[in-house]
Amino acid sequence: MLEVKFYDSIDDSLLKFAVIISQSNGKWVFCKHKERDTFEVPGGHSIKIY
C-alpha cells in the first residue's frame, strides 16, 4: 500500500514527483477516465524545469 504524506513546505531537491489536487467552489476536482471505470485527478505529461 502507498503511504501519502502532506507537507506545507519541502526542500525541492528531495522531490521525486508531486501530485496536485484542486478544489473548486469547495469541491474536489476529479476526472472520469475514458478507458477505465475510475475517477482520477487531472493529469498530463510531466515536465522538467531547469
PDB file of N, CA and C in Angstrom:
ATOM      1  N   MET A   1       0.843  -1.172   0.000  1.00  0.00           N
ATOM      2  CA  MET A   1       0.000   0.000   0.000  1.00  0.00           C
ATOM      3  C   MET A   1       0.892   1.241   0.000  1.00  0.00           C
ATOM      4  N   LEU A   2       0.485   2.267  -0.726  1.00  0.00           N
ATOM      5  CA  LEU A   2       1.203   3.524  -0.818  1.00  0.00           C
ATOM      6  C   LEU A   2       0.823   4.432   0.339  1.00  0.00           C
ATOM      7  N   GLU A   3       1.829   5.023   0.967  1.00  0.00           N
ATOM      8  CA  GLU A   3       1.575   5.973   2.052  1.00  0.00           C
ATOM      9  C   GLU A   3       1.611   7.387   1.485  1.00  0.00           C
ATOM     10  N   VAL A   4       0.614   8.180   1.812  1.00  0.00           N
ATOM     11  CA  VAL A   4       0.535   9.561   1.339  1.00  0.00           C
ATOM     12  C   VAL A   4       0.808  10.486   2.513  1.00  0.00           C
ATOM     13  N   LYS A   5       1.713  11.438   2.299  1.00  0.00           N
ATOM     14  CA  LYS A   5       2.042  12.420   3.328  1.00  0.00           C
ATOM     15  C   LYS A   5       1.784  13.819   2.774  1.00  0.00           C
ATOM     16  N   PHE A   6       1.352  14.718   3.631  1.00  0.00           N
ATOM     17  CA  PHE A   6       1.106  16.100   3.245  1.00  0.00           C
ATOM     18  C   PHE A   6       2.115  16.996   3.953  1.00  0.00           C
ATOM     19  N   TYR A   7       2.681  17.953   3.225  1.00  0.00           N
ATOM     20  CA  TYR A   7       3.671  18.870   3.770  1.00  0.00           C
ATOM     21  C   TYR A   7       3.277  20.300   3.405  1.00  0.00           C
ATOM     22  N   ASP A   8       3.556  21.232   4.294  1.00  0.00           N
ATOM     23  CA  ASP A   8       3.350  22.648   3.978  1.00  0.00           C
ATOM     24  C   ASP A   8       4.492  23.185   3.131  1.00  0.00           C
ATOM     25  N   SER A   9       5.688  22.657   3.337  1.00  0.00           N
ATOM     26  CA  SER A   9       6.846  23.034   2.524  1.00  0.00           C
ATOM     27  C   SER A   9       7.858  21.894   2.574  1.00  0.00           C
ATOM     28  N   ILE A  10       8.719  21.840   1.547  1.00  0.00           N
ATOM     29  CA  ILE A  10       9.730  20.787   1.479  1.00  0.00           C
ATOM     30  C   ILE A  10      10.885  21.282   0.610  1.00  0.00           C
ATOM     31  N   ASP A  11      12.089  20.786   0.873  1.00  0.00           N
ATOM     32  CA  ASP A  11      13.261  21.108   0.074  1.00  0.00           C
ATOM     33  C   ASP A  11      13.087  20.501  -1.325  1.00  0.00           C
ATOM     34  N   ASP A  12      13.116  21.329  -2.358  1.00  0.00           N
ATOM     35  CA  ASP A  12      12.884  20.865  -3.731  1.00  0.00           C
ATOM     36  C   ASP A  12      13.821  19.737  -4.149  1.00  0.00           C
ATOM     37  N   SER A  13      15.029  19.682  -3.613  1.00  0.00           N
ATOM     38  CA  SER A  13      15.978  18.640  -4.012  1.00  0.00           C
ATOM     39  C   SER A  13      15.517  17.252  -3.554  1.00  0.00           C
ATOM     40  N   LEU A  14      14.572  17.184  -2.625  1.00  0.00           N
ATOM     41  CA  LEU A  14      14.060  15.902  -2.134  1.00  0.00           C
ATOM     42  C   LEU A  14      12.904  15.365  -2.973  1.00  0.00           C
ATOM     43  N   LEU A  15      12.365  16.189  -3.867  1.00  0.00           N
ATOM     44  CA  LEU A  15      11.190  15.791  -4.647  1.00  0.00           C
ATOM     45  C   LEU A  15      11.539  14.791  -5.744  1.00  0.00           C
ATOM     46  N   LYS A  16      10.735  13.745  -5.857  1.00  0.00           N
ATOM     47  CA  LYS A  16      10.818  12.795  -6.965  1.00  0.00           C
ATOM     48  C   LYS A  16       9.620  12.990  -7.885  1.00  0.00           C
ATOM     49  N   PHE A  17       8.471  13.308  -7.309  1.00  0.00           N
ATOM     50  CA  PHE A  17       7.273  13.635  -8.078  1.00  0.00           C
ATOM     51  C   PHE A  17       6.339  14.393  -7.155  1.00  0.00           C
ATOM     52  N   ALA A  18       5.332  15.013  -7.741  1.00  0.00           N
ATOM     53  CA  ALA A  18       4.343  15.740  -6.949  1.00  0.00           C
ATOM     54  C   ALA A  18       2.961  15.456  -7.521  1.00  0.00           C
ATOM     55  N   VAL A  19       1.991  15.408  -6.651  1.00  0.00           N
ATOM     56  CA  VAL A  19       0.597  15.258  -7.057  1.00  0.00           C
ATOM     57  C   VAL A  19      -0.136  16.495  -6.567  1.00  0.00           C
ATOM     58  N   ILE A  20      -0.807  17.155  -7.468  1.00  0.00           N
ATOM     59  CA  ILE A  20      -1.537  18.365  -7.116  1.00  0.00           C
ATOM     60  C   ILE A  20      -3.023  18.098  -7.325  1.00  0.00           C
ATOM     61  N   ILE A  21      -3.795  18.288  -6.266  1.00  0.00           N
ATOM     62  CA  ILE A  21      -5.237  18.074  -6.335  1.00  0.00           C
ATOM     63  C   ILE A  21      -5.916  19.414  -6.086  1.00  0.00           C
ATOM     64  N   SER A  22      -6.923  19.728  -6.882  1.00  0.00           N
ATOM     65  CA  SER A  22      -7.569  21.039  -6.811  1.00  0.00           C
ATOM     66  C   SER A  22      -8.956  20.974  -6.200  1.00  0.00           C
ATOM     67  N   GLN A  23      -9.337  22.101  -5.624  1.00  0.00           N
ATOM     68  CA  GLN A  23     -10.708  22.301  -5.175  1.00  0.00           C
ATOM     69  C   GLN A  23     -11.286  23.471  -5.959  1.00  0.00           C
ATOM     70  N   SER A  24     -12.544  23.360  -6.314  1.00  0.00           N
ATOM     71  CA  SER A  24     -13.249  24.442  -6.984  1.00  0.00           C
ATOM     72  C   SER A  24     -14.611  24.583  -6.335  1.00  0.00           C
ATOM     73  N   ASN A  25     -14.915  25.757  -5.874  1.00  0.00           N
ATOM     74  CA  ASN A  25     -16.190  26.013  -5.176  1.00  0.00           C
ATOM     75  C   ASN A  25     -16.419  25.026  -4.038  1.00  0.00           C
ATOM     76  N   GLY A  26     -15.338  24.692  -3.319  1.00  0.00           N
ATOM     77  CA  GLY A  26     -15.441  23.813  -2.164  1.00  0.00           C
ATOM     78  C   GLY A  26     -15.551  22.333  -2.487  1.00  0.00           C
ATOM     79  N   LYS A  27     -15.382  21.963  -3.768  1.00  0.00           N
ATOM     80  CA  LYS A  27     -15.474  20.554  -4.176  1.00  0.00           C
ATOM     81  C   LYS A  27     -14.156  20.135  -4.813  1.00  0.00           C
ATOM     82  N   TRP A  28     -13.754  18.877  -4.571  1.00  0.00           N
ATOM     83  CA  TRP A  28     -12.525  18.343  -5.155  1.00  0.00           C
ATOM     84  C   TRP A  28     -12.727  18.076  -6.636  1.00  0.00           C
ATOM     85  N   VAL A  29     -11.691  18.295  -7.441  1.00  0.00           N
ATOM     86  CA  VAL A  29     -11.759  18.125  -8.891  1.00  0.00           C
ATOM     87  C   VAL A  29     -11.175  16.761  -9.271  1.00  0.00           C
ATOM     88  N   PHE A  30     -12.002  15.902  -9.869  1.00  0.00           N
ATOM     89  CA  PHE A  30     -11.589  14.604 -10.395  1.00  0.00           C
ATOM     90  C   PHE A  30     -12.145  14.453 -11.799  1.00  0.00           C
ATOM     91  N   CYS A  31     -11.517  13.611 -12.594  1.00  0.00           N
ATOM     92  CA  CYS A  31     -11.975  13.332 -13.955  1.00  0.00           C
ATOM     93  C   CYS A  31     -12.288  11.854 -14.084  1.00  0.00           C
ATOM     94  N   LYS A  32     -13.314  11.530 -14.852  1.00  0.00           N
ATOM     95  CA  LYS A  32     -13.620  10.125 -15.137  1.00  0.00           C
ATOM     96  C   LYS A  32     -12.743   9.700 -16.304  1.00  0.00           C
ATOM     97  N   HIS A  33     -11.962   8.640 -16.093  1.00  0.00           N
ATOM     98  CA  HIS A  33     -11.069   8.146 -17.139  1.00  0.00           C
ATOM     99  C   HIS A  33     -11.900   7.549 -18.262  1.00  0.00           C
ATOM    100  N   LYS A  34     -11.559   7.884 -19.515  1.00  0.00           N
ATOM    101  CA  LYS A  34     -12.381   7.442 -20.644  1.00  0.00           C
ATOM    102  C   LYS A  34     -12.233   5.956 -20.961  1.00  0.00           C
ATOM    103  N   GLU A  35     -11.160   5.301 -20.490  1.00  0.00           N
ATOM    104  CA  GLU A  35     -10.959   3.890 -20.796  1.00  0.00           C
ATOM    105  C   GLU A  35     -11.121   2.980 -19.577  1.00  0.00           C
ATOM    106  N   ARG A  36     -11.243   3.580 -18.388  1.00  0.00           N
ATOM    107  CA  ARG A  36     -11.415   2.796 -17.165  1.00  0.00           C
ATOM    108  C   ARG A  36     -12.645   3.328 -16.437  1.00  0.00           C
ATOM    109  N   ASP A  37     -13.155   2.548 -15.548  1.00  0.00           N
ATOM    110  CA  ASP A  37     -14.314   2.975 -14.764  1.00  0.00           C
ATOM    111  C   ASP A  37     -13.843   3.581 -13.438  1.00  0.00           C
ATOM    112  N   THR A  38     -12.940   4.582 -13.548  1.00  0.00           N
ATOM    113  CA  THR A  38     -12.368   5.191 -12.347  1.00  0.00           C
ATOM    114  C   THR A  38     -12.403   6.710 -12.457  1.00  0.00           C
ATOM    115  N   PHE A  39     -12.424   7.350 -11.312  1.00  0.00           N
ATOM    116  CA  PHE A  39     -12.260   8.796 -11.241  1.00  0.00           C
ATOM    117  C   PHE A  39     -10.841   9.066 -10.765  1.00  0.00           C
ATOM    118  N   GLU A  40     -10.158  10.004 -11.409  1.00  0.00           N
ATOM    119  CA  GLU A  40      -8.754  10.267 -11.131  1.00  0.00           C
ATOM    120  C   GLU A  40      -8.516  11.769 -11.115  1.00  0.00           C
ATOM    121  N   VAL A  41      -7.382  12.159 -10.549  1.00  0.00           N
ATOM    122  CA  VAL A  41      -7.022  13.576 -10.593  1.00  0.00           C
ATOM    123  C   VAL A  41      -6.611  13.915 -12.019  1.00  0.00           C
ATOM    124  N   PRO A  42      -6.913  15.149 -12.483  1.00  0.00           N
ATOM    125  CA  PRO A  42      -6.495  15.533 -13.825  1.00  0.00           C
ATOM    126  C   PRO A  42      -4.986  15.410 -13.956  1.00  0.00           C
ATOM    127  N   GLY A  43      -4.524  14.959 -15.089  1.00  0.00           N
ATOM    128  CA  GLY A  43      -3.090  14.761 -15.264  1.00  0.00           C
ATOM    129  C   GLY A  43      -2.649  15.095 -16.668  1.00  0.00           C
ATOM    130  N   GLY A  44      -1.384  14.980 -16.853  1.00  0.00           N
ATOM    131  CA  GLY A  44      -0.790  15.247 -18.159  1.00  0.00           C
ATOM    132  C   GLY A  44       0.629  14.734 -18.154  1.00  0.00           C
ATOM    133  N   HIS A  45       1.396  15.212 -19.075  1.00  0.00           N
ATOM    134  CA  HIS A  45       2.797  14.803 -19.174  1.00  0.00           C
ATOM    135  C   HIS A  45       3.625  15.567 -18.157  1.00  0.00           C
ATOM    136  N   SER A  46       4.609  14.898 -17.620  1.00  0.00           N
ATOM    137  CA  SER A  46       5.494  15.578 -16.674  1.00  0.00           C
ATOM    138  C   SER A  46       6.455  16.476 -17.443  1.00  0.00           C
ATOM    139  N   ILE A  47       6.919  17.514 -16.794  1.00  0.00           N
ATOM    140  CA  ILE A  47       7.877  18.425 -17.400  1.00  0.00           C
ATOM    141  C   ILE A  47       9.059  18.598 -16.471  1.00  0.00           C
ATOM    142  N   LYS A  48      10.202  18.908 -17.029  1.00  0.00           N
ATOM    143  CA  LYS A  48      11.378  19.240 -16.231  1.00  0.00           C
ATOM    144  C   LYS A  48      11.579  20.742 -16.303  1.00  0.00           C
ATOM    145  N   ILE A  49      11.841  21.333 -15.167  1.00  0.00           N
ATOM    146  CA  ILE A  49      12.123  22.777 -15.127  1.00  0.00           C
ATOM    147  C   ILE A  49      13.604  22.931 -14.800  1.00  0.00           C
ATOM    148  N   TYR A  50      14.296  23.643 -15.651  1.00  0.00           N
ATOM    149  CA  TYR A  50      15.735  23.834 -15.463  1.00  0.00           C
ATOM    150  C   TYR A  50      16.001  25.225 -14.946  1.00  0.00           C
TER     151      TYR A  50
END
